[in-house]
Amino acid sequence: MLYFRYRALTFILTFLLYTSFHLSRKPISIVKSELHKNCSSVSDLATIGASSGAGSGQQPSLLTAHLTDMDCSWKPFDKRNYKQLLGAMDYSFLCAYAVGMYLSGIIGERLPIRLYLTVGMLTSGLFTCLFGLGYVYNIHSLGFYIFVQVANGLVQTTGWPSVVTCISNWFGKGRRGLIMGLWNSHTSVGNILGSLIAGYWVSSNWGLSFIVPGLIIAAMGVVCFLFLIEHPNDLKTIHAQSSSPGKCVSFSSYLVLNSELKRLLIISLGSKTRRVSFNHRKSSITVTNHLFLCCLYLQGVIEFSLCLLFAKLVSYTFLFWLPLYITKAAHLDAKKAGDLSTLFDVGGIVGGILAGVISDKLGKRATTCAIMLLLAAPTIFCTCMLLVCGGLVNGPYSLITTAVSADLGTHKSLKGNARALSTVTAIIDGTGSVGAALGPLLAGLLSAGGWDQVFYMLMTADFLALLVSSFILLIEANS
């Protein structure tokens, strides 16, 4: 009974932890339309003011410049190439995230998940707040915002391999698709909450649109440090520690959730309690320097990684550019556009769960991905189907990053190596993050020639994801 209680706690806690990661990523897409406003109305106002100013003997050019500077965009995003500048900010974050993800899996497998995740969340909170402080301190340097985005992208890579490894340690293969589908809805929940929080302040003080999410993820980092149990064996050790005679039990009621913290406190208070080794989990095989290559060449890893690359390209283009597109196309303000864009994420919640259920019933992950990618293509071009599009686009993305990664990371050929899951997850999500970096960058470049080109790019990426998944279907059929 105790085991199931803590398993439920781990499910909820890791869900909330990664929700805060996505919550802190979303504000940039909401604030874009505030960084560069639609200046047509301002130009009209300036023209009228200039005409009246000329009649009253004032300097028209000075009045026009004053109105434009006062009422329009945030420098340096006030130029004609603002879409390319905004795309460069997205690319700097996502490129750093993609590169860092490969390193994150290697580093994460050598460190305690709880500490690694805590440090990542605290530093991510710091850099998210720094972006918002650019508004508070009136910073107009593009280099400052690029630096913050790169740094934030690197530290946010601590999240995904850690939480996937932790949740996979507690949940076996039974109904993994359904469980992971429910659990992975944290990405969409985080996007929705991030949109609502950022949208609340975007028009009045967009700095708070970053500062509040930054404080939330930092606070969740503290919660992670205090309460996360990364493996069921930790619970067994804690229980044995607290119930054995001669061991310190005075702290057990307070620190039963955290064995390592208990050890540190006991030592710091000078207790005579015997030192207990917490290195209780031993891999069934010797960990070698070739673990990364072993995971890379595992059948299905490269194929699913490439499929995720194109699927994530589509998903993250919507994530970073959909609110701005709605603002420009439907002529809505930033808050309304942000609220409307959450329909895509609501669909993502349903799609992730549906993909997990179908893949469990069929026993075929690749088949499920291929069906959803095929159905997604015609919905991409139709913005009135945001709910359906979100489900069909995010379904395969959710399935590959969770259930598929867990299946491959616990493959029998790895002989139970506890570190392999983190590495496999990092390889798959790292490759997918390359697509996530390319999508918003291409959107920024192509949108200058019209939004239709962006949607053609998204449909091409969806087709390529479908093409790659067809190769995986052959592997699945043979197995």
Protein backbone atom coordinates (compact mmCIF):
# COMPACT_ATOMS: atom_id res chain seq x y z
CA MET A 1 0.00 0.00 0.00
CA LEU A 2 2.84 2.35 0.87
CA TYR A 3 4.48 1.64 -2.48
CA PHE A 4 1.35 2.60 -4.46
CA ARG A 5 0.93 5.76 -2.40
CA TYR A 6 4.44 6.92 -3.21
CA ARG A 7 4.05 5.87 -6.83
CA ALA A 8 1.01 8.15 -7.08
CA LEU A 9 3.02 10.90 -5.39
CA THR A 10 5.83 10.48 -7.94
CA PHE A 11 3.35 10.62 -10.82
CA ILE A 12 1.78 13.85 -9.56
CA LEU A 13 5.08 15.45 -8.55
CA THR A 14 6.91 14.78 -11.83
CA PHE A 15 3.79 15.96 -13.68
CA LEU A 16 3.88 19.28 -11.83
CA LEU A 17 7.65 19.62 -12.20
CA TYR A 18 7.61 19.38 -15.97
CA THR A 19 4.46 21.47 -16.19
CA SER A 20 6.53 24.28 -14.70
CA PHE A 21 9.20 23.76 -17.38
CA HIS A 22 6.71 24.32 -20.21
CA LEU A 23 4.97 27.07 -18.26
CA SER A 24 8.25 29.02 -18.30
CA ARG A 25 8.84 28.43 -22.05
CA LYS A 26 5.49 29.72 -23.25
CA PRO A 27 5.67 33.47 -22.40
CA ILE A 28 7.96 34.36 -25.33
CA SER A 29 5.28 33.34 -27.84
CA ILE A 30 2.67 35.50 -26.09
CA VAL A 31 4.95 38.53 -25.70
CA LYS A 32 6.08 38.55 -29.36
CA SER A 33 3.06 40.54 -30.46
CA GLU A 34 3.86 43.10 -27.76
CA LEU A 35 7.53 43.33 -28.69
CA HIS A 36 6.43 44.29 -32.19
CA LYS A 37 2.96 45.81 -32.30
CA ASN A 38 0.88 46.46 -35.38
CA CYS A 39 2.05 49.98 -36.11
CA SER A 40 -0.51 50.80 -38.81
CA SER A 41 -2.84 52.52 -36.36
CA VAL A 42 0.07 54.36 -34.81
CA SER A 43 1.21 55.52 -38.24
CA ASP A 44 -2.28 56.81 -39.01
CA LEU A 45 -2.36 58.65 -35.71
CA ALA A 46 1.07 60.10 -36.38
CA THR A 47 -0.01 61.27 -39.84
CA ILE A 48 -3.07 63.03 -38.46
CA GLY A 49 -0.99 64.57 -35.70
CA ALA A 50 1.59 65.70 -38.21
CA SER A 51 -1.03 67.43 -40.34
CA SER A 52 -2.53 69.26 -37.38
CA GLY A 53 0.94 70.06 -36.14
CA ALA A 54 1.85 71.62 -39.47
CA GLY A 55 -1.23 73.82 -39.25
CA SER A 56 -0.30 74.99 -35.79
CA GLY A 57 3.30 75.72 -36.73
CA GLN A 58 4.81 72.67 -34.98
CA GLN A 59 7.52 70.47 -36.46
CA PRO A 60 5.65 67.55 -38.18
CA SER A 61 8.63 65.21 -38.32
CA LEU A 62 9.35 65.58 -34.63
CA LEU A 63 5.74 64.90 -33.69
CA THR A 64 5.58 61.82 -35.93
CA ALA A 65 8.78 60.41 -34.48
CA HIS A 66 7.58 61.09 -30.96
CA LEU A 67 4.30 59.22 -31.48
CA THR A 68 6.01 56.28 -33.17
CA ASP A 69 8.68 55.90 -30.51
CA MET A 70 6.20 56.27 -27.66
CA ASP A 71 3.38 54.05 -28.88
CA CYS A 72 4.90 51.36 -31.09
CA SER A 73 7.36 48.48 -30.68
CA TRP A 74 10.03 47.51 -28.17
CA LYS A 75 13.53 48.11 -29.51
CA PRO A 76 15.38 46.31 -31.10
CA PHE A 77 12.24 44.56 -32.44
CA ASP A 78 10.87 47.70 -34.02
CA LYS A 79 12.63 47.14 -37.35
CA ARG A 80 11.20 45.70 -40.55
CA ASN A 81 13.12 42.46 -40.01
CA TYR A 82 11.46 41.90 -36.63
CA LYS A 83 10.27 38.41 -37.64
CA GLN A 84 13.84 37.33 -38.32
CA LEU A 85 14.95 38.78 -34.97
CA LEU A 86 12.17 37.00 -33.11
CA GLY A 87 13.01 33.82 -35.01
CA ALA A 88 16.66 34.20 -33.99
CA MET A 89 15.59 34.35 -30.33
CA ASP A 90 13.59 31.15 -30.70
CA TYR A 91 16.45 29.50 -32.54
CA SER A 92 19.02 30.49 -29.91
CA PHE A 93 16.93 28.87 -27.16
CA LEU A 94 16.04 25.73 -29.10
CA CYS A 95 19.47 25.23 -30.64
CA ALA A 96 21.06 25.43 -27.19
CA TYR A 97 18.39 23.02 -25.96
CA ALA A 98 19.09 20.55 -28.76
CA VAL A 99 22.87 20.58 -28.23
CA GLY A 100 22.52 20.50 -24.46
CA MET A 101 20.13 17.56 -24.55
CA TYR A 102 22.79 15.17 -25.83
CA LEU A 103 25.12 16.28 -23.05
CA SER A 104 22.33 16.22 -20.50
CA GLY A 105 21.76 12.49 -20.89
CA ILE A 106 25.46 11.76 -20.40
CA ILE A 107 25.78 14.08 -17.39
CA GLY A 108 22.45 13.10 -15.87
CA GLU A 109 23.26 9.40 -15.78
CA ARG A 110 26.25 10.15 -13.53
CA LEU A 111 24.44 12.39 -11.01
CA PRO A 112 21.50 11.93 -8.62
CA ILE A 113 18.36 12.84 -10.53
CA ARG A 114 16.91 14.87 -7.67
CA LEU A 115 19.92 17.17 -7.34
CA TYR A 116 20.43 17.46 -11.09
CA LEU A 117 16.80 18.39 -11.65
CA THR A 118 16.76 20.85 -8.73
CA VAL A 119 19.78 22.79 -10.00
CA GLY A 120 18.31 22.92 -13.49
CA MET A 121 14.96 24.28 -12.28
CA LEU A 122 16.52 26.94 -10.05
CA THR A 123 18.81 28.23 -12.79
CA SER A 124 16.00 28.10 -15.35
CA GLY A 125 13.91 30.24 -13.02
CA LEU A 126 16.80 32.69 -12.78
CA PHE A 127 17.20 33.10 -16.55
CA THR A 128 13.44 33.29 -17.16
CA CYS A 129 13.24 36.14 -14.64
CA LEU A 130 16.24 37.83 -16.27
CA PHE A 131 14.35 38.08 -19.56
CA GLY A 132 11.51 39.84 -17.77
CA LEU A 133 13.92 42.17 -16.03
CA GLY A 134 14.85 43.45 -19.49
CA TYR A 135 11.52 45.28 -19.40
CA VAL A 136 11.96 46.49 -15.81
CA TYR A 137 15.42 47.96 -16.50
CA ASN A 138 14.59 49.10 -20.05
CA ILE A 139 17.19 46.90 -21.77
CA HIS A 140 17.14 47.11 -25.59
CA SER A 141 20.19 44.98 -26.45
CA LEU A 142 19.48 42.02 -28.71
CA GLY A 143 22.64 40.36 -27.37
CA PHE A 144 21.20 40.39 -23.84
CA TYR A 145 18.02 38.57 -24.86
CA ILE A 146 19.93 36.08 -27.02
CA PHE A 147 22.30 35.30 -24.14
CA VAL A 148 19.41 34.71 -21.75
CA GLN A 149 17.69 32.43 -24.26
CA VAL A 150 20.85 30.36 -24.87
CA ALA A 151 21.55 29.98 -21.15
CA ASN A 152 17.93 29.05 -20.43
CA GLY A 153 17.91 26.51 -23.25
CA LEU A 154 20.98 24.77 -21.83
CA VAL A 155 19.71 24.50 -18.24
CA GLN A 156 16.23 23.38 -19.30
CA THR A 157 17.76 20.20 -20.75
CA THR A 158 18.05 18.87 -17.21
CA GLY A 159 14.29 18.35 -17.10
CA TRP A 160 13.16 15.80 -19.65
CA PRO A 161 15.69 12.94 -19.21
CA SER A 162 15.31 13.25 -15.44
CA VAL A 163 11.53 13.09 -15.20
CA VAL A 164 11.19 10.34 -17.85
CA THR A 165 13.78 8.21 -16.05
CA CYS A 166 12.06 8.81 -12.72
CA ILE A 167 8.54 7.99 -13.93
CA SER A 168 9.80 4.91 -15.81
CA ASN A 169 11.48 3.64 -12.64
CA TRP A 170 8.13 3.60 -10.87
CA PHE A 171 5.88 2.34 -13.69
CA GLY A 172 6.49 -0.86 -15.63
CA LYS A 173 5.47 -1.74 -19.18
CA GLY A 174 1.88 -2.57 -18.33
CA ARG A 175 -0.44 0.04 -19.90
CA ARG A 176 2.61 2.25 -20.40
CA GLY A 177 1.02 4.03 -23.35
CA LEU A 178 -2.05 5.11 -21.34
CA ILE A 179 -0.04 6.07 -18.24
CA MET A 180 2.53 7.99 -20.25
CA GLY A 181 -0.18 9.63 -22.33
CA LEU A 182 -1.93 10.91 -19.21
CA TRP A 183 1.36 11.96 -17.64
CA ASN A 184 2.69 13.68 -20.77
CA SER A 185 -0.29 16.01 -20.84
CA HIS A 186 1.88 18.17 -18.57
CA THR A 187 3.38 19.74 -21.71
CA SER A 188 0.00 21.02 -22.87
CA VAL A 189 -1.13 21.94 -19.35
CA GLY A 190 2.10 23.92 -18.92
CA ASN A 191 1.57 25.67 -22.26
CA ILE A 192 -2.00 26.58 -21.33
CA LEU A 193 -1.05 27.92 -17.90
CA GLY A 194 1.93 29.76 -19.39
CA SER A 195 -0.34 31.38 -21.97
CA LEU A 196 -2.87 32.47 -19.37
CA ILE A 197 -0.25 33.82 -16.94
CA ALA A 198 1.73 35.63 -19.64
CA GLY A 199 -1.46 36.94 -21.24
CA TYR A 200 -2.63 38.45 -17.97
CA TRP A 201 0.29 40.89 -17.85
CA VAL A 202 1.36 41.11 -21.50
CA SER A 203 -0.38 44.40 -22.32
CA SER A 204 0.35 46.21 -19.06
CA ASN A 205 3.79 44.91 -18.01
CA TRP A 206 5.21 42.11 -20.15
CA GLY A 207 8.19 41.76 -17.82
CA LEU A 208 5.88 40.06 -15.30
CA SER A 209 4.89 37.59 -18.03
CA PHE A 210 8.40 36.13 -17.55
CA ILE A 211 9.11 36.91 -13.90
CA VAL A 212 6.05 35.11 -12.50
CA PRO A 213 6.69 31.84 -14.45
CA GLY A 214 10.38 32.10 -13.47
CA LEU A 215 9.47 32.28 -9.79
CA ILE A 216 7.09 29.33 -10.20
CA ILE A 217 9.69 27.00 -11.74
CA ALA A 218 12.25 28.02 -9.11
CA ALA A 219 9.74 27.26 -6.33
CA MET A 220 9.02 23.86 -7.92
CA GLY A 221 12.78 23.21 -7.90
CA VAL A 222 12.74 23.54 -4.11
CA VAL A 223 9.76 21.17 -3.95
CA CYS A 224 11.69 18.71 -6.13
CA PHE A 225 14.68 18.81 -3.77
CA LEU A 226 12.52 18.13 -0.72
CA PHE A 227 10.13 15.46 -1.97
CA LEU A 228 11.28 13.61 -5.12
CA ILE A 229 12.06 9.91 -4.74
CA GLU A 230 13.68 8.79 -7.96
CA HIS A 231 13.49 4.99 -7.53
CA PRO A 232 11.36 2.51 -5.54
CA ASN A 233 14.55 1.07 -4.03
CA ASP A 234 15.06 4.42 -2.29
CA LEU A 235 11.78 3.84 -0.47
CA LYS A 236 12.89 0.38 0.68
CA THR A 237 16.14 1.77 2.03
CA ILE A 238 14.36 4.61 3.84
CA HIS A 239 11.91 2.16 5.40
CA ALA A 240 14.70 -0.17 6.51
CA GLN A 241 16.67 2.78 7.85
CA SER A 242 13.80 4.12 9.96
CA SER A 243 12.66 0.75 11.32
CA SER A 244 16.07 -0.71 12.25
CA PRO A 245 17.21 -0.45 15.90
CA GLY A 246 20.25 1.69 16.57
CA LYS A 247 19.47 3.96 13.64
CA CYS A 248 18.34 7.54 13.97
CA VAL A 249 14.54 7.60 13.85
CA SER A 250 13.89 11.02 15.33
CA PHE A 251 14.06 12.57 11.88
CA SER A 252 12.17 9.86 10.03
CA SER A 253 8.72 11.37 10.28
CA TYR A 254 10.01 14.58 8.70
CA LEU A 255 12.50 13.25 6.19
CA VAL A 256 11.02 9.93 5.10
CA LEU A 257 10.72 11.33 1.57
CA ASN A 258 14.38 12.18 1.28
CA SER A 259 17.08 9.70 2.23
CA GLU A 260 20.02 11.77 1.05
CA LEU A 261 18.84 14.88 2.88
CA LYS A 262 18.45 12.80 6.04
CA ARG A 263 22.02 11.56 5.76
CA LEU A 264 23.33 15.11 5.37
CA LEU A 265 21.39 16.38 8.39
CA ILE A 266 22.50 13.50 10.57
CA ILE A 267 26.13 14.16 9.71
CA SER A 268 25.79 17.91 10.23
CA LEU A 269 24.27 17.41 13.70
CA GLY A 270 27.11 15.14 14.78
CA SER A 271 25.04 12.03 15.27
CA LYS A 272 26.87 8.83 16.13
CA THR A 273 24.64 6.90 13.80
CA ARG A 274 26.56 4.46 11.68
CA ARG A 275 27.11 5.57 8.09
CA VAL A 276 24.79 3.83 5.69
CA SER A 277 25.65 3.38 2.07
CA PHE A 278 22.99 4.68 -0.26
CA ASN A 279 24.59 3.27 -3.35
CA HIS A 280 22.08 0.44 -3.24
CA ARG A 281 21.18 0.22 -6.88
CA LYS A 282 23.66 -1.69 -8.97
CA SER A 283 23.30 -2.22 -12.63
CA SER A 284 23.17 -5.81 -13.84
CA ILE A 285 25.91 -4.99 -16.34
CA THR A 286 29.07 -2.96 -16.02
CA VAL A 287 28.66 0.60 -17.26
CA THR A 288 31.16 1.35 -19.98
CA ASN A 289 32.19 4.40 -21.93
CA HIS A 290 30.36 2.94 -24.93
CA LEU A 291 26.88 3.26 -23.42
CA PHE A 292 25.97 6.21 -25.67
CA LEU A 293 26.92 4.26 -28.81
CA CYS A 294 25.10 1.15 -27.60
CA CYS A 295 21.93 3.19 -27.12
CA LEU A 296 22.38 5.03 -30.42
CA TYR A 297 22.63 1.82 -32.45
CA LEU A 298 19.72 0.17 -30.68
CA GLN A 299 17.13 -0.73 -33.32
CA GLY A 300 14.46 1.94 -33.49
CA VAL A 301 16.34 4.73 -31.72
CA ILE A 302 17.58 6.52 -34.86
CA GLU A 303 14.31 5.93 -36.72
CA PHE A 304 12.07 7.27 -33.96
CA SER A 305 14.51 10.14 -33.36
CA LEU A 306 14.16 11.29 -36.98
CA CYS A 307 10.39 10.91 -36.85
CA LEU A 308 10.34 13.06 -33.72
CA LEU A 309 12.58 15.64 -35.42
CA PHE A 310 9.88 16.42 -37.99
CA ALA A 311 6.95 16.00 -35.60
CA LYS A 312 8.52 18.36 -33.07
CA LEU A 313 9.30 20.86 -35.83
CA VAL A 314 5.57 21.17 -36.45
CA SER A 315 4.60 21.22 -32.77
CA TYR A 316 7.13 23.86 -31.71
CA THR A 317 6.39 26.11 -34.66
CA PHE A 318 2.81 26.25 -33.40
CA LEU A 319 4.06 26.69 -29.84
CA PHE A 320 6.23 29.73 -30.62
CA TRP A 321 4.39 31.37 -33.54
CA LEU A 322 0.68 30.58 -33.28
CA PRO A 323 -0.24 33.53 -31.00
CA LEU A 324 1.58 36.00 -33.27
CA TYR A 325 -0.09 34.52 -36.35
CA ILE A 326 -3.54 34.85 -34.74
CA THR A 327 -2.73 38.45 -33.79
CA LYS A 328 -1.76 39.37 -37.36
CA ALA A 329 -4.36 37.28 -39.20
CA ALA A 330 -7.39 37.82 -36.97
CA HIS A 331 -6.37 41.31 -35.74
CA LEU A 332 -6.78 40.36 -32.08
CA ASP A 333 -4.83 41.77 -29.16
CA ALA A 334 -2.06 39.75 -27.52
CA LYS A 335 -4.19 38.46 -24.63
CA LYS A 336 -7.06 37.22 -26.81
CA ALA A 337 -4.65 35.62 -29.27
CA GLY A 338 -2.87 33.84 -26.41
CA ASP A 339 -6.16 32.56 -25.00
CA LEU A 340 -7.30 31.32 -28.42
CA SER A 341 -3.98 29.54 -29.03
CA THR A 342 -4.59 27.33 -25.97
CA LEU A 343 -7.09 25.34 -28.08
CA PHE A 344 -4.10 23.74 -29.79
CA ASP A 345 -2.74 22.62 -26.41
CA VAL A 346 -6.13 21.37 -25.21
CA GLY A 347 -6.21 19.18 -28.30
CA GLY A 348 -2.69 18.06 -27.44
CA ILE A 349 -3.87 16.69 -24.08
CA VAL A 350 -6.56 14.58 -25.74
CA GLY A 351 -4.24 13.50 -28.55
CA GLY A 352 -1.50 12.33 -26.20
CA ILE A 353 -3.89 10.21 -24.15
CA LEU A 354 -5.58 8.83 -27.27
CA ALA A 355 -2.24 7.89 -28.83
CA GLY A 356 -1.27 6.02 -25.66
CA VAL A 357 -4.55 4.09 -25.46
CA ILE A 358 -4.50 3.11 -29.15
CA SER A 359 -0.86 2.01 -29.03
CA ASP A 360 -1.56 -0.12 -25.95
CA LYS A 361 -4.52 -1.80 -27.65
CA LEU A 362 -2.69 -2.43 -30.93
CA GLY A 363 0.69 -3.07 -29.34
CA LYS A 364 2.20 -1.04 -32.18
CA ARG A 365 3.64 2.39 -31.43
CA ALA A 366 4.80 3.17 -34.98
CA THR A 367 1.43 2.30 -36.51
CA THR A 368 -0.31 4.69 -34.12
CA CYS A 369 2.13 7.49 -35.00
CA ALA A 370 1.71 6.93 -38.75
CA ILE A 371 -2.12 7.03 -38.59
CA MET A 372 -2.17 10.29 -36.60
CA LEU A 373 0.47 11.96 -38.80
CA LEU A 374 -1.53 11.04 -41.91
CA LEU A 375 -4.71 12.55 -40.48
CA ALA A 376 -2.87 15.66 -39.25
CA ALA A 377 -1.76 16.87 -42.70
CA PRO A 378 -5.07 18.41 -43.89
CA THR A 379 -5.80 20.05 -40.51
CA ILE A 380 -2.54 22.05 -40.41
CA PHE A 381 -3.74 24.52 -43.01
CA CYS A 382 -7.12 25.05 -41.35
CA THR A 383 -6.84 27.32 -38.31
CA CYS A 384 -10.51 26.71 -37.49
CA MET A 385 -9.51 23.15 -36.51
CA LEU A 386 -6.93 24.06 -33.87
CA LEU A 387 -8.36 21.54 -31.39
CA VAL A 388 -8.18 18.63 -33.85
CA CYS A 389 -4.82 19.73 -35.23
CA GLY A 390 -3.34 19.93 -31.74
CA GLY A 391 -4.45 16.38 -30.97
CA LEU A 392 -3.14 14.85 -34.19
CA VAL A 393 0.17 16.74 -34.15
CA ASN A 394 0.98 16.29 -30.46
CA GLY A 395 -0.20 12.67 -30.26
CA PRO A 396 2.84 11.14 -32.04
CA TYR A 397 5.15 13.68 -30.35
CA SER A 398 3.84 12.64 -26.94
CA LEU A 399 4.01 8.92 -27.69
CA ILE A 400 7.61 8.97 -28.97
CA THR A 401 9.02 11.10 -26.15
CA THR A 402 7.43 8.99 -23.42
CA ALA A 403 6.27 5.41 -24.07
CA VAL A 404 8.60 4.76 -27.02
CA SER A 405 11.62 6.20 -25.18
CA ALA A 406 10.79 4.12 -22.10
CA ASP A 407 10.35 0.96 -24.21
CA LEU A 408 13.69 1.42 -25.95
CA GLY A 409 15.52 2.52 -22.79
CA THR A 410 14.46 -0.66 -21.00
CA HIS A 411 15.10 -2.95 -23.96
CA LYS A 412 16.31 -6.44 -23.01
CA SER A 413 19.53 -5.98 -25.00
CA LEU A 414 20.58 -3.32 -22.46
CA LYS A 415 20.35 -5.97 -19.72
CA GLY A 416 18.68 -3.72 -17.18
CA ASN A 417 21.27 -0.96 -17.27
CA ALA A 418 19.64 1.73 -15.10
CA ARG A 419 21.58 4.51 -16.83
CA ALA A 420 20.54 3.58 -20.36
CA LEU A 421 17.03 5.02 -20.09
CA SER A 422 18.30 8.54 -19.46
CA THR A 423 20.70 8.26 -22.41
CA VAL A 424 18.07 6.89 -24.84
CA THR A 425 15.64 9.61 -23.78
CA ALA A 426 18.29 12.29 -24.33
CA ILE A 427 19.18 10.95 -27.80
CA ILE A 428 15.57 10.84 -28.99
CA ASP A 429 14.49 14.16 -27.50
CA GLY A 430 17.79 15.81 -28.46
CA THR A 431 17.30 14.88 -32.10
CA GLY A 432 13.69 16.02 -31.90
CA SER A 433 14.89 19.33 -30.48
CA VAL A 434 16.90 19.94 -33.66
CA GLY A 435 13.57 20.03 -35.47
CA ALA A 436 12.14 22.20 -32.70
CA ALA A 437 14.96 24.68 -33.33
CA LEU A 438 14.60 24.66 -37.12
CA GLY A 439 10.81 25.10 -37.17
CA PRO A 440 10.54 28.51 -35.47
CA LEU A 441 13.66 29.74 -37.31
CA LEU A 442 12.19 28.79 -40.69
CA ALA A 443 8.86 30.29 -39.66
CA GLY A 444 10.56 33.61 -38.97
CA LEU A 445 12.29 33.57 -42.35
CA LEU A 446 9.37 32.30 -44.44
CA SER A 447 6.67 34.44 -42.85
CA ALA A 448 8.28 37.52 -44.39
CA GLY A 449 6.97 36.25 -47.74
CA GLY A 450 3.52 35.37 -46.37
CA TRP A 451 2.10 32.98 -43.80
CA ASP A 452 1.09 30.47 -46.49
CA GLN A 453 4.74 29.53 -46.93
CA VAL A 454 4.96 28.66 -43.23
CA PHE A 455 2.01 26.29 -43.50
CA TYR A 456 3.49 24.64 -46.60
CA MET A 457 6.67 24.08 -44.60
CA LEU A 458 4.68 22.50 -41.76
CA MET A 459 2.84 20.16 -44.12
CA THR A 460 6.14 19.10 -45.69
CA ALA A 461 7.57 18.32 -42.25
CA ASP A 462 4.47 16.30 -41.38
CA PHE A 463 4.86 14.30 -44.61
CA LEU A 464 8.54 13.61 -43.84
CA ALA A 465 7.61 12.41 -40.34
CA LEU A 466 5.05 10.09 -41.95
CA LEU A 467 7.69 8.85 -44.40
CA VAL A 468 10.15 8.01 -41.62
CA SER A 469 7.43 6.30 -39.59
CA SER A 470 6.72 4.03 -42.58
CA PHE A 471 10.25 2.62 -42.24
CA ILE A 472 9.59 1.97 -38.56
CA LEU A 473 6.40 0.17 -39.56
CA LEU A 474 8.51 -2.35 -41.47
CA ILE A 475 10.66 -2.96 -38.38
CA GLU A 476 7.53 -3.30 -36.26
CA ALA A 477 5.95 -5.74 -38.71
CA ASN A 478 9.06 -7.92 -38.82
CA SER A 479 9.30 -8.03 -35.03
